[in-house]
Protein backbone atom coordinates (compact mmCIF):
# COMPACT_ATOMS: atom_id res chain seq x y z
CA MET A 1 118.20 116.56 57.45
CA GLU A 2 117.39 118.92 60.29
CA GLN A 3 114.14 117.09 61.02
CA LEU A 4 116.00 113.77 61.04
CA LEU A 5 118.44 115.14 63.62
CA VAL A 6 115.53 116.34 65.75
CA ASP A 7 113.85 112.91 65.58
CA ILE A 8 117.07 111.10 66.49
CA THR A 9 117.74 113.47 69.38
CA LEU A 10 114.21 113.00 70.73
CA ILE A 11 114.54 109.21 70.58
CA LEU A 12 117.92 109.33 72.33
CA ASP A 13 116.50 111.72 74.94
CA SER A 14 113.68 109.25 75.62
CA THR A 15 116.25 106.45 75.72
CA VAL A 16 118.10 108.18 78.56
CA ARG A 17 114.92 108.86 80.54
CA LEU A 18 113.62 105.30 80.16
CA ALA A 19 116.98 103.72 80.98
CA VAL A 20 117.53 105.51 84.32
CA PRO A 21 115.47 103.16 86.58
CA LEU A 22 117.05 100.17 84.83
CA ILE A 23 120.56 101.52 85.41
CA LEU A 24 119.94 102.13 89.10
CA ALA A 25 118.23 98.76 89.63
CA SER A 26 121.00 96.97 87.73
CA LEU A 27 123.73 98.62 89.81
CA ALA A 28 121.74 97.76 92.94
CA GLY A 29 121.60 94.11 91.92
CA LEU A 30 125.31 94.21 91.12
CA TYR A 31 126.23 94.95 94.74
CA SER A 32 123.97 92.27 96.22
CA GLU A 33 124.88 89.55 93.73
CA ARG A 34 128.60 90.30 93.95
CA SER A 35 128.27 89.71 97.69
CA GLY A 36 126.57 86.35 97.13
CA ILE A 37 122.93 87.40 97.63
CA VAL A 38 120.58 86.70 94.70
CA ASP A 39 118.09 89.57 94.56
CA ILE A 40 115.02 88.61 92.52
CA GLY A 41 113.19 91.10 94.73
CA LEU A 42 114.49 94.14 92.82
CA GLU A 43 111.11 94.39 91.13
CA GLY A 44 109.29 94.57 94.45
CA LYS A 45 111.75 97.08 95.87
CA LEU A 46 111.32 99.35 92.84
CA LEU A 47 107.54 99.20 93.21
CA ALA A 48 107.54 99.77 96.96
CA ALA A 49 109.98 102.68 96.65
CA ALA A 50 107.92 104.27 93.88
CA PHE A 51 104.78 104.14 96.02
CA ALA A 52 106.46 105.37 99.20
CA ALA A 53 108.10 108.26 97.36
CA ALA A 54 104.87 109.38 95.68
CA ALA A 55 102.83 109.02 98.86
CA MET A 56 105.29 110.98 100.99
CA SER A 57 105.69 113.65 98.34
CA ALA A 58 101.91 114.02 98.00
CA VAL A 59 101.48 114.40 101.77
CA THR A 60 104.46 116.67 102.52
CA GLY A 61 104.84 118.52 99.23
CA SER A 62 108.59 117.75 99.16
CA ALA A 63 110.26 115.61 96.50
CA TRP A 64 113.33 115.22 98.73
CA LEU A 65 111.25 113.75 101.56
CA GLY A 66 109.63 111.51 98.97
CA LEU A 67 113.07 110.33 97.87
CA LEU A 68 114.00 109.51 101.48
CA ALA A 69 110.72 107.61 101.90
CA GLY A 70 111.46 105.61 98.74
CA ILE A 71 114.91 104.68 100.05
CA GLY A 72 113.36 103.82 103.42
CA ALA A 73 110.85 101.44 101.80
CA ALA A 74 113.63 99.74 99.85
CA LEU A 75 115.71 99.45 103.04
CA MET A 76 112.79 97.75 104.79
CA PHE A 77 112.40 95.23 101.97
CA SER A 78 116.17 94.66 101.87
CA GLY A 79 116.12 94.07 105.62
CA ILE A 80 113.46 91.41 105.22
CA HIS A 81 115.42 89.80 102.39
CA GLY A 82 118.62 89.89 104.44
CA LEU A 83 116.91 88.38 107.47
CA ALA A 84 115.48 85.53 105.39
CA SER A 85 118.63 84.95 103.31
CA ILE A 86 121.50 85.66 105.72
CA ASN A 87 120.23 85.04 109.23
CA PHE A 88 117.64 82.32 108.58
CA LYS A 89 119.58 80.91 105.59
CA GLY A 90 116.41 80.56 103.53
CA ASN A 91 116.06 80.18 99.80
CA GLN A 92 117.02 83.56 98.32
CA THR A 93 114.96 83.18 95.16
CA ILE A 94 111.80 82.37 97.08
CA SER A 95 112.42 85.28 99.42
CA GLY A 96 112.78 87.66 96.48
CA VAL A 97 109.65 86.40 94.75
CA ALA A 98 107.71 86.74 98.01
CA LEU A 99 108.84 90.37 98.28
CA ASN A 100 107.62 91.02 94.74
CA PHE A 101 104.16 89.66 95.57
CA LEU A 102 104.12 91.60 98.84
CA ALA A 103 104.96 94.87 97.10
CA ALA A 104 102.36 94.34 94.36
CA GLY A 105 99.57 93.73 96.87
CA LEU A 106 100.65 96.17 99.57
CA THR A 107 101.06 99.20 97.30
CA THR A 108 97.58 98.73 95.81
CA PHE A 109 96.00 98.15 99.21
CA LEU A 110 97.67 101.14 100.88
CA GLY A 111 97.03 103.36 97.88
CA GLN A 112 93.32 102.59 98.02
CA SER A 113 93.16 102.87 101.82
CA TRP A 114 95.00 106.19 102.04
CA PHE A 115 94.00 108.05 98.88
CA LYS A 116 90.78 106.32 97.69
CA ARG A 117 91.93 106.45 94.08
CA GLY A 118 92.02 102.77 93.17
CA GLY A 119 95.64 102.34 94.22
CA TYR A 120 96.83 105.56 92.60
CA THR A 121 98.34 108.51 94.45
CA PRO A 122 97.27 112.12 93.79
CA GLN A 123 98.90 113.89 90.84
CA LEU A 124 102.12 115.65 91.81
CA SER A 125 103.36 119.02 90.63
CA GLY A 126 105.87 121.73 91.45
CA ASP A 127 108.17 120.93 94.37
CA GLN A 128 106.49 117.54 94.77
CA ARG A 129 108.54 116.32 91.79
CA PHE A 130 112.16 116.49 90.66
CA ASN A 131 112.06 118.96 87.79
CA PRO A 132 114.44 119.25 84.82
CA ILE A 133 117.72 121.09 85.28
CA ASN A 134 118.90 123.41 82.52
CA LEU A 135 122.67 123.23 82.30
CA PRO A 136 124.75 126.39 81.72
CA PHE A 137 124.60 127.83 78.19
CA ALA A 138 121.89 125.37 77.10
CA GLU A 139 119.62 128.18 75.94
CA GLN A 140 122.43 130.15 74.30
CA LEU A 141 123.64 127.13 72.30
CA ARG A 142 120.18 125.87 71.33
CA ASP A 143 120.30 127.48 67.87
CA VAL A 144 123.79 126.19 67.06
CA PRO A 145 123.52 123.38 64.46
CA VAL A 146 124.02 119.85 65.78
CA ILE A 147 125.91 120.87 68.95
CA GLY A 148 123.05 122.99 70.26
CA GLN A 149 120.53 120.24 69.57
CA ILE A 150 122.62 117.60 71.32
CA TYR A 151 123.60 119.75 74.30
CA GLY A 152 120.26 121.51 74.74
CA GLU A 153 117.96 118.51 74.25
CA LEU A 154 120.01 115.39 74.98
CA ILE A 155 122.46 116.43 77.71
CA SER A 156 120.64 119.31 79.39
CA GLY A 157 117.08 119.25 80.69
CA HIS A 158 117.17 116.12 82.84
CA ASN A 159 116.43 115.88 86.56
CA ILE A 160 119.05 115.34 89.24
CA ILE A 161 118.36 111.59 89.56
CA THR A 162 119.18 111.09 85.88
CA TYR A 163 122.59 112.68 86.27
CA PHE A 164 123.16 110.72 89.49
CA ALA A 165 122.43 107.42 87.69
CA PHE A 166 125.12 108.03 85.08
CA VAL A 167 127.65 109.17 87.69
CA ALA A 168 126.86 106.06 89.75
CA VAL A 169 128.18 103.75 87.01
CA PRO A 170 131.88 104.80 87.13
CA ALA A 171 131.55 105.28 90.90
CA THR A 172 130.39 101.67 91.25
CA ALA A 173 133.23 100.44 89.02
CA TRP A 174 135.71 102.33 91.21
CA VAL A 175 134.22 101.02 94.47
CA LEU A 176 134.12 97.40 93.32
CA PHE A 177 137.48 97.21 91.57
CA ARG A 178 139.64 99.89 93.18
CA THR A 179 138.83 99.84 96.89
CA ARG A 180 139.42 97.45 99.78
CA PHE A 181 135.69 97.27 100.43
CA GLY A 182 135.06 96.27 96.81
CA LEU A 183 137.74 93.59 96.97
CA ARG A 184 136.18 92.13 100.11
CA LEU A 185 132.69 92.34 98.61
CA ARG A 186 133.73 90.42 95.51
CA ALA A 187 135.62 87.92 97.63
CA VAL A 188 132.64 87.20 99.87
CA GLY A 189 130.62 86.41 96.76
CA GLU A 190 133.24 83.97 95.52
CA ASN A 191 134.67 82.41 98.66
CA PRO A 192 133.02 83.51 101.93
CA LYS A 193 135.00 80.93 103.90
CA ALA A 194 138.28 82.65 103.00
CA ILE A 195 136.85 86.00 104.12
CA ASP A 196 135.67 84.48 107.38
CA THR A 197 139.07 82.86 107.95
CA ALA A 198 140.67 86.29 107.56
CA GLY A 199 138.55 87.53 110.46
CA ILE A 200 136.10 89.58 108.39
CA SER A 201 132.38 89.21 109.06
CA VAL A 202 130.56 87.67 106.11
CA THR A 203 127.20 88.70 107.57
CA ARG A 204 128.24 92.34 107.96
CA LEU A 205 129.62 92.55 104.42
CA ARG A 206 126.46 91.09 102.92
CA TYR A 207 124.24 93.42 104.91
CA GLN A 208 126.38 96.37 103.79
CA ALA A 209 125.84 95.25 100.19
CA LEU A 210 122.09 95.02 100.77
CA ILE A 211 122.04 98.54 102.23
CA ILE A 212 123.78 99.94 99.12
CA THR A 213 121.37 97.91 97.00
CA ALA A 214 118.40 99.43 98.83
CA VAL A 215 119.67 102.99 98.43
CA LEU A 216 120.19 102.61 94.67
CA VAL A 217 116.95 100.76 93.93
CA GLY A 218 115.09 103.14 96.25
CA ILE A 219 116.32 106.09 94.20
CA GLY A 220 115.31 104.21 91.04
CA GLY A 221 111.81 103.63 92.37
CA ALA A 222 111.47 107.26 93.42
CA TYR A 223 112.52 108.29 89.92
CA LEU A 224 109.58 106.37 88.45
CA SER A 225 106.93 108.18 90.48
CA ILE A 226 108.28 111.63 91.33
CA ALA A 227 110.66 112.38 88.45
CA GLN A 228 109.67 110.50 85.30
CA SER A 229 105.97 110.52 86.18
CA ALA A 230 103.73 112.71 88.32
CA GLY A 231 102.45 110.12 90.77
CA PHE A 232 102.18 106.40 91.42
CA ASN A 233 100.02 103.94 89.51
CA ASN A 234 99.49 100.21 89.91
CA ASN A 235 102.34 97.95 88.79
CA MET A 236 104.40 100.99 87.93
CA SER A 237 107.68 99.08 87.82
CA ALA A 238 106.28 96.99 84.92
CA GLY A 239 108.97 94.31 85.03
CA ARG A 240 111.91 96.72 85.12
CA GLY A 241 113.44 94.86 88.08
CA TYR A 242 113.55 91.66 86.03
CA ILE A 243 114.97 93.49 83.00
CA ALA A 244 117.66 94.98 85.24
CA LEU A 245 118.61 91.49 86.42
CA ALA A 246 118.74 90.29 82.81
CA ALA A 247 120.98 93.25 81.97
CA LEU A 248 123.24 92.34 84.88
CA ILE A 249 123.61 88.75 83.67
CA PHE A 250 124.19 89.87 80.09
CA ALA A 251 126.88 92.25 81.34
CA LYS A 252 128.50 89.43 83.34
CA TRP A 253 128.12 91.41 86.57
CA ARG A 254 130.14 94.44 85.38
CA PRO A 255 128.83 98.01 85.68
CA GLY A 256 129.99 99.39 82.31
CA PRO A 257 128.40 96.71 80.12
CA ALA A 258 125.30 96.81 82.35
CA LEU A 259 124.91 100.50 81.46
CA LEU A 260 125.06 99.69 77.75
CA VAL A 261 122.43 96.93 78.05
CA CYS A 262 120.11 99.23 80.00
CA LEU A 263 120.51 101.91 77.34
CA MET A 264 119.72 99.30 74.68
CA PHE A 265 116.45 98.42 76.38
CA GLY A 266 115.67 102.10 76.87
CA PHE A 267 116.26 102.68 73.16
CA LEU A 268 113.95 99.82 72.18
CA ASP A 269 111.32 101.15 74.58
CA ALA A 270 111.66 104.65 73.10
CA VAL A 271 111.32 103.34 69.56
CA GLN A 272 108.11 101.46 70.38
CA PHE A 273 106.53 104.71 71.57
CA ARG A 274 107.47 106.38 68.28
CA ILE A 275 106.08 103.66 65.99
CA GLN A 276 102.72 103.18 67.71
CA GLY A 277 99.94 103.95 65.23
CA GLN A 278 102.30 103.87 62.24
CA VAL A 279 101.17 102.04 59.09
CA PHE A 280 103.80 99.63 57.74
CA PRO A 281 104.02 98.31 54.17
CA ILE A 282 102.22 94.98 53.56
CA ILE A 283 101.32 94.33 57.23
CA GLY A 284 99.53 97.65 57.78
CA GLU A 285 99.01 99.00 61.30
CA VAL A 286 100.43 96.74 64.01
CA PRO A 287 98.32 96.34 67.20
CA VAL A 288 99.53 98.53 70.05
CA GLN A 289 99.95 95.52 72.34
CA ALA A 290 102.38 93.87 69.91
CA ILE A 291 104.44 97.06 69.65
CA GLN A 292 104.50 97.47 73.44
CA ALA A 293 105.85 93.93 73.75
CA LEU A 294 108.57 94.60 71.15
CA PRO A 295 111.33 95.84 73.52
CA TYR A 296 110.81 92.88 75.84
CA ILE A 297 110.85 90.37 72.97
CA LEU A 298 113.94 91.89 71.37
CA THR A 299 115.70 92.04 74.73
CA VAL A 300 115.06 88.34 75.31
CA VAL A 301 116.27 87.50 71.78
CA LEU A 302 119.42 89.59 72.14
CA LEU A 303 120.22 88.26 75.58
CA ALA A 304 119.62 84.65 74.51
CA GLY A 305 121.61 85.01 71.30
CA PHE A 306 124.62 87.07 72.33
CA ILE A 307 125.16 86.53 76.02
CA GLY A 308 127.66 83.69 75.68
CA ARG A 309 128.70 82.02 78.91
CA ALA A 310 127.93 84.10 81.99
CA VAL A 311 129.36 82.75 85.23
CA ALA A 312 127.73 84.08 88.38
CA PRO A 313 129.71 84.63 91.59
CA LYS A 314 130.37 81.13 92.98
CA ALA A 315 128.69 81.73 96.32
CA ALA A 316 125.62 83.50 94.87
CA GLY A 317 122.46 82.03 96.39
CA VAL A 318 124.37 79.85 98.84
CA PRO A 319 123.80 80.63 102.55
CA TYR A 320 127.01 80.72 104.56
CA THR A 321 127.32 78.86 107.82
CA LYS A 322 130.23 79.82 110.00
CA GLU A 323 132.34 76.86 111.04
CA ARG A 324 132.94 76.42 114.75
């Protein structure tokens, strides 16, 4: 029984760690899409932020400077997306896909040019990374049955970005549904003409949404390289930006359900790590590649089977032209 509790706690602990970048990317997409900007480029922003954070941290020795660099990279990509989507009124999906390709090529090229490691950054350690935080009384309660295991292993021992991600969910719900800014942001995604008629700048609101998006996805990218891992490697985002968008659609553009979907994918991802190399009755040992694909396959099945009717903000993907 005790071993079972340990195994469950370890899987749930991995679930939390693996879900953090998805939560941050999903919340980031929530702001942009609620404002009427489709952000397929979340994947590219995650990747660019992860590289910038690891590179800056490797050069300066500071995880906090790495975090700022990751946010800066995401802001640059959001600025490009905003320029193409808002000012030039281009196709938002094409702009996002272009950013994804740009990030994939640019991070590998710069990584090889700067560090000569085949696109990888040097390994990070010490203050170059965000290290786990032991919460008060975690050590004292560790030997207490059940409670000590849950508090000491599952709740305590995460880095600051992990705790920020979970705090960001209710904060986002409050901003979007309890503040004047949130009301205007949701309105500009549904009926930008009404917002413009009221004398509020549609362009400014959408750029504000993209800035918040960049900050959140930048933190998510930094988490990948200087918190969860100890450096950057090629294609580090591994489709998490797309999964975050799928979670957002499944959650019908609401932060609470988006958190649950991200945790579901994190759980499936954690389980696949645990069952690699296991021998199953009748079928024997399943190839590693099939097990690694399991969370993605199950996510697609669950999203396709249980999503129901998800209605995007009416003005999402539609450039707004101010009437004269």
